[in-house]
Amino acid sequence: MKTVRVLLRLMCGFTILSIFGIWLYAFAPITAPWAEFGYYGKFHQVQRIIREMPELSIIDQWQHRDVSLEDFGFTVQRKDGYTTQIDFYDHSDQMRLSSDEDIRNYIASFI
Protein backbone atom coordinates (compact mmCIF):
# COMPACT_ATOMS: atom_id res chain seq x y z
CA MET A 1 0.00 0.00 0.00
CA LYS A 2 2.87 2.37 0.83
CA THR A 3 4.48 1.61 -2.50
CA VAL A 4 1.28 2.49 -4.35
CA ARG A 5 1.02 5.84 -2.54
CA VAL A 6 4.64 6.65 -3.31
CA LEU A 7 4.13 5.77 -6.96
CA LEU A 8 0.97 7.90 -7.14
CA ARG A 9 2.79 10.87 -5.60
CA LEU A 10 5.65 10.47 -8.04
CA MET A 11 3.24 10.26 -10.97
CA CYS A 12 1.36 13.37 -9.79
CA GLY A 13 4.59 15.26 -9.32
CA PHE A 14 5.85 14.23 -12.74
CA THR A 15 2.53 15.20 -14.34
CA ILE A 16 2.53 18.63 -12.70
CA LEU A 17 6.14 19.26 -13.69
CA SER A 18 5.42 18.13 -17.26
CA ILE A 19 2.42 20.45 -17.57
CA PHE A 20 4.44 23.33 -16.14
CA GLY A 21 7.31 22.57 -18.52
CA ILE A 22 5.00 22.55 -21.54
CA TRP A 23 3.39 25.81 -20.41
CA LEU A 24 6.80 27.39 -19.84
CA TYR A 25 8.05 26.26 -23.25
CA ALA A 26 4.99 27.52 -25.11
CA PHE A 27 3.87 30.63 -23.30
CA ALA A 28 6.41 32.00 -20.85
CA PRO A 29 8.03 35.13 -22.22
CA ILE A 30 11.66 34.15 -21.82
CA THR A 31 13.45 37.26 -23.01
CA ALA A 32 17.01 35.97 -22.85
CA PRO A 33 18.46 36.15 -26.38
CA TRP A 34 19.82 32.59 -26.15
CA ALA A 35 16.26 31.22 -25.75
CA GLU A 36 15.34 30.32 -29.31
CA PHE A 37 12.19 28.54 -28.17
CA GLY A 38 8.89 29.51 -26.63
CA TYR A 39 7.31 32.95 -26.80
CA TYR A 40 10.30 34.87 -28.21
CA GLY A 41 11.95 31.89 -29.95
CA LYS A 42 11.56 32.87 -33.59
CA PHE A 43 12.30 36.54 -32.79
CA HIS A 44 15.59 35.59 -31.09
CA GLN A 45 16.55 33.26 -33.93
CA VAL A 46 15.99 35.91 -36.60
CA GLN A 47 17.73 38.58 -34.51
CA ARG A 48 20.78 36.32 -34.07
CA ILE A 49 20.92 35.57 -37.79
CA ILE A 50 20.76 39.27 -38.70
CA ARG A 51 23.51 40.07 -36.19
CA GLU A 52 25.68 37.32 -37.73
CA MET A 53 25.43 39.00 -41.15
CA PRO A 54 28.40 41.42 -41.19
CA GLU A 55 26.86 43.64 -43.89
CA LEU A 56 23.77 44.41 -41.76
CA SER A 57 23.01 46.23 -38.55
CA ILE A 58 19.68 46.42 -36.75
CA ILE A 59 18.54 50.02 -36.31
CA ASP A 60 15.02 49.33 -35.03
CA GLN A 61 12.69 46.46 -34.19
CA TRP A 62 9.02 45.95 -33.38
CA GLN A 63 6.90 43.21 -31.83
CA HIS A 64 3.17 42.52 -31.64
CA ARG A 65 2.79 40.87 -28.26
CA ASP A 66 -0.36 38.98 -27.39
CA VAL A 67 -0.93 35.49 -26.04
CA SER A 68 1.94 34.62 -28.33
CA LEU A 69 4.43 36.78 -30.18
CA GLU A 70 2.41 36.87 -33.38
CA ASP A 71 4.33 39.34 -35.53
CA PHE A 72 7.69 41.08 -35.39
CA GLY A 73 10.10 42.87 -37.61
CA PHE A 74 13.47 44.56 -37.92
CA THR A 75 14.62 47.67 -39.68
CA VAL A 76 18.09 46.86 -40.96
CA GLN A 77 20.76 48.97 -42.61
CA ARG A 78 23.54 47.90 -44.94
CA LYS A 79 27.00 49.42 -44.68
CA ASP A 80 26.25 51.61 -47.72
CA GLY A 81 23.30 53.21 -45.89
CA TYR A 82 20.49 51.31 -47.64
CA THR A 83 17.69 50.68 -45.13
CA THR A 84 14.88 48.13 -45.37
CA GLN A 85 12.22 46.53 -43.23
CA ILE A 86 12.12 42.75 -42.71
CA ASP A 87 8.86 41.56 -41.15
CA PHE A 88 7.58 38.20 -39.95
CA TYR A 89 3.81 37.86 -39.65
CA ASP A 90 1.82 35.10 -37.99
CA HIS A 91 0.77 32.34 -40.44
CA SER A 92 3.03 33.73 -43.19
CA ASP A 93 5.45 31.67 -45.26
CA GLN A 94 8.48 33.36 -43.71
CA MET A 95 7.24 32.60 -40.16
CA ARG A 96 7.23 28.89 -41.06
CA LEU A 97 10.94 28.97 -41.98
CA SER A 98 12.88 27.06 -39.38
CA SER A 99 16.44 26.50 -40.52
CA ASP A 100 19.03 29.24 -40.16
CA GLU A 101 19.92 28.89 -43.83
CA ASP A 102 16.33 29.40 -45.01
CA ILE A 103 15.89 32.45 -42.77
CA ARG A 104 19.25 33.86 -43.92
CA ASN A 105 18.18 33.43 -47.57
CA TYR A 106 14.86 35.15 -46.86
CA ILE A 107 16.65 38.11 -45.26
CA ALA A 108 19.16 38.24 -48.14
CA SER A 109 16.29 38.65 -50.58
CA PHE A 110 15.63 42.07 -49.02
CA ILE A 111 19.18 43.34 -49.23
C-alpha atoms as a PDB file:
ATOM      1  CA  MET A   1       0.000   0.000   0.000  1.00  0.00           C
ATOM      2  CA  LYS A   2       2.867   2.372   0.825  1.00  0.00           C
ATOM      3  CA  THR A   3       4.482   1.608  -2.499  1.00  0.00           C
ATOM      4  CA  VAL A   4       1.282   2.488  -4.353  1.00  0.00           C
ATOM      5  CA  ARG A   5       1.023   5.845  -2.543  1.00  0.00           C
ATOM      6  CA  VAL A   6       4.641   6.655  -3.312  1.00  0.00           C
ATOM      7  CA  LEU A   7       4.135   5.773  -6.964  1.00  0.00           C
ATOM      8  CA  LEU A   8       0.969   7.904  -7.141  1.00  0.00           C
ATOM      9  CA  ARG A   9       2.785  10.872  -5.601  1.00  0.00           C
ATOM     10  CA  LEU A  10       5.650  10.473  -8.041  1.00  0.00           C
ATOM     11  CA  MET A  11       3.242  10.260 -10.975  1.00  0.00           C
ATOM     12  CA  CYS A  12       1.358  13.373  -9.790  1.00  0.00           C
ATOM     13  CA  GLY A  13       4.592  15.259  -9.317  1.00  0.00           C
ATOM     14  CA  PHE A  14       5.853  14.226 -12.740  1.00  0.00           C
ATOM     15  CA  THR A  15       2.528  15.198 -14.339  1.00  0.00           C
ATOM     16  CA  ILE A  16       2.527  18.630 -12.698  1.00  0.00           C
ATOM     17  CA  LEU A  17       6.144  19.255 -13.690  1.00  0.00           C
ATOM     18  CA  SER A  18       5.415  18.130 -17.258  1.00  0.00           C
ATOM     19  CA  ILE A  19       2.422  20.447 -17.567  1.00  0.00           C
ATOM     20  CA  PHE A  20       4.441  23.329 -16.135  1.00  0.00           C
ATOM     21  CA  GLY A  21       7.311  22.575 -18.519  1.00  0.00           C
ATOM     22  CA  ILE A  22       5.003  22.549 -21.538  1.00  0.00           C
ATOM     23  CA  TRP A  23       3.387  25.814 -20.412  1.00  0.00           C
ATOM     24  CA  LEU A  24       6.801  27.390 -19.839  1.00  0.00           C
ATOM     25  CA  TYR A  25       8.046  26.258 -23.254  1.00  0.00           C
ATOM     26  CA  ALA A  26       4.990  27.517 -25.109  1.00  0.00           C
ATOM     27  CA  PHE A  27       3.870  30.634 -23.300  1.00  0.00           C
ATOM     28  CA  ALA A  28       6.414  31.997 -20.851  1.00  0.00           C
ATOM     29  CA  PRO A  29       8.028  35.132 -22.220  1.00  0.00           C
ATOM     30  CA  ILE A  30      11.664  34.148 -21.817  1.00  0.00           C
ATOM     31  CA  THR A  31      13.450  37.260 -23.010  1.00  0.00           C
ATOM     32  CA  ALA A  32      17.014  35.966 -22.853  1.00  0.00           C
ATOM     33  CA  PRO A  33      18.464  36.152 -26.376  1.00  0.00           C
ATOM     34  CA  TRP A  34      19.819  32.594 -26.151  1.00  0.00           C
ATOM     35  CA  ALA A  35      16.264  31.223 -25.746  1.00  0.00           C
ATOM     36  CA  GLU A  36      15.336  30.318 -29.305  1.00  0.00           C
ATOM     37  CA  PHE A  37      12.187  28.544 -28.169  1.00  0.00           C
ATOM     38  CA  GLY A  38       8.887  29.509 -26.626  1.00  0.00           C
ATOM     39  CA  TYR A  39       7.309  32.952 -26.804  1.00  0.00           C
ATOM     40  CA  TYR A  40      10.301  34.869 -28.209  1.00  0.00           C
ATOM     41  CA  GLY A  41      11.950  31.891 -29.948  1.00  0.00           C
ATOM     42  CA  LYS A  42      11.563  32.868 -33.595  1.00  0.00           C
ATOM     43  CA  PHE A  43      12.303  36.539 -32.794  1.00  0.00           C
ATOM     44  CA  HIS A  44      15.589  35.592 -31.094  1.00  0.00           C
ATOM     45  CA  GLN A  45      16.546  33.264 -33.930  1.00  0.00           C
ATOM     46  CA  VAL A  46      15.985  35.914 -36.600  1.00  0.00           C
ATOM     47  CA  GLN A  47      17.728  38.582 -34.506  1.00  0.00           C
ATOM     48  CA  ARG A  48      20.778  36.322 -34.065  1.00  0.00           C
ATOM     49  CA  ILE A  49      20.922  35.572 -37.786  1.00  0.00           C
ATOM     50  CA  ILE A  50      20.762  39.268 -38.700  1.00  0.00           C
ATOM     51  CA  ARG A  51      23.514  40.067 -36.190  1.00  0.00           C
ATOM     52  CA  GLU A  52      25.677  37.322 -37.730  1.00  0.00           C
ATOM     53  CA  MET A  53      25.432  39.000 -41.151  1.00  0.00           C
ATOM     54  CA  PRO A  54      28.399  41.425 -41.195  1.00  0.00           C
ATOM     55  CA  GLU A  55      26.856  43.635 -43.891  1.00  0.00           C
ATOM     56  CA  LEU A  56      23.774  44.410 -41.755  1.00  0.00           C
ATOM     57  CA  SER A  57      23.014  46.232 -38.552  1.00  0.00           C
ATOM     58  CA  ILE A  58      19.676  46.422 -36.749  1.00  0.00           C
ATOM     59  CA  ILE A  59      18.543  50.021 -36.311  1.00  0.00           C
ATOM     60  CA  ASP A  60      15.016  49.326 -35.031  1.00  0.00           C
ATOM     61  CA  GLN A  61      12.689  46.462 -34.187  1.00  0.00           C
ATOM     62  CA  TRP A  62       9.022  45.951 -33.375  1.00  0.00           C
ATOM     63  CA  GLN A  63       6.896  43.210 -31.833  1.00  0.00           C
ATOM     64  CA  HIS A  64       3.171  42.524 -31.643  1.00  0.00           C
ATOM     65  CA  ARG A  65       2.793  40.871 -28.255  1.00  0.00           C
ATOM     66  CA  ASP A  66      -0.356  38.979 -27.388  1.00  0.00           C
ATOM     67  CA  VAL A  67      -0.926  35.491 -26.036  1.00  0.00           C
ATOM     68  CA  SER A  68       1.944  34.617 -28.327  1.00  0.00           C
ATOM     69  CA  LEU A  69       4.431  36.777 -30.184  1.00  0.00           C
ATOM     70  CA  GLU A  70       2.406  36.868 -33.383  1.00  0.00           C
ATOM     71  CA  ASP A  71       4.332  39.340 -35.529  1.00  0.00           C
ATOM     72  CA  PHE A  72       7.689  41.081 -35.391  1.00  0.00           C
ATOM     73  CA  GLY A  73      10.105  42.872 -37.615  1.00  0.00           C
ATOM     74  CA  PHE A  74      13.466  44.560 -37.917  1.00  0.00           C
ATOM     75  CA  THR A  75      14.619  47.670 -39.684  1.00  0.00           C
ATOM     76  CA  VAL A  76      18.091  46.863 -40.955  1.00  0.00           C
ATOM     77  CA  GLN A  77      20.756  48.966 -42.607  1.00  0.00           C
ATOM     78  CA  ARG A  78      23.539  47.895 -44.938  1.00  0.00           C
ATOM     79  CA  LYS A  79      27.002  49.420 -44.677  1.00  0.00           C
ATOM     80  CA  ASP A  80      26.248  51.609 -47.720  1.00  0.00           C
ATOM     81  CA  GLY A  81      23.304  53.210 -45.886  1.00  0.00           C
ATOM     82  CA  TYR A  82      20.487  51.312 -47.644  1.00  0.00           C
ATOM     83  CA  THR A  83      17.686  50.677 -45.126  1.00  0.00           C
ATOM     84  CA  THR A  84      14.882  48.127 -45.372  1.00  0.00           C
ATOM     85  CA  GLN A  85      12.216  46.526 -43.233  1.00  0.00           C
ATOM     86  CA  ILE A  86      12.121  42.755 -42.706  1.00  0.00           C
ATOM     87  CA  ASP A  87       8.859  41.555 -41.151  1.00  0.00           C
ATOM     88  CA  PHE A  88       7.585  38.204 -39.954  1.00  0.00           C
ATOM     89  CA  TYR A  89       3.808  37.856 -39.646  1.00  0.00           C
ATOM     90  CA  ASP A  90       1.818  35.096 -37.991  1.00  0.00           C
ATOM     91  CA  HIS A  91       0.775  32.338 -40.443  1.00  0.00           C
ATOM     92  CA  SER A  92       3.033  33.731 -43.190  1.00  0.00           C
ATOM     93  CA  ASP A  93       5.454  31.668 -45.260  1.00  0.00           C
ATOM     94  CA  GLN A  94       8.477  33.357 -43.707  1.00  0.00           C
ATOM     95  CA  MET A  95       7.244  32.603 -40.165  1.00  0.00           C
ATOM     96  CA  ARG A  96       7.234  28.894 -41.058  1.00  0.00           C
ATOM     97  CA  LEU A  97      10.936  28.970 -41.984  1.00  0.00           C
ATOM     98  CA  SER A  98      12.877  27.056 -39.377  1.00  0.00           C
ATOM     99  CA  SER A  99      16.443  26.497 -40.519  1.00  0.00           C
ATOM    100  CA  ASP A 100      19.028  29.244 -40.158  1.00  0.00           C
ATOM    101  CA  GLU A 101      19.924  28.890 -43.827  1.00  0.00           C
ATOM    102  CA  ASP A 102      16.330  29.403 -45.013  1.00  0.00           C
ATOM    103  CA  ILE A 103      15.886  32.446 -42.774  1.00  0.00           C
ATOM    104  CA  ARG A 104      19.249  33.861 -43.919  1.00  0.00           C
ATOM    105  CA  ASN A 105      18.178  33.430 -47.566  1.00  0.00           C
ATOM    106  CA  TYR A 106      14.860  35.146 -46.858  1.00  0.00           C
ATOM    107  CA  ILE A 107      16.651  38.108 -45.259  1.00  0.00           C
ATOM    108  CA  ALA A 108      19.164  38.239 -48.136  1.00  0.00           C
ATOM    109  CA  SER A 109      16.286  38.646 -50.581  1.00  0.00           C
ATOM    110  CA  PHE A 110      15.628  42.074 -49.022  1.00  0.00           C
ATOM    111  CA  ILE A 111      19.176  43.339 -49.228  1.00  0.00           C
END
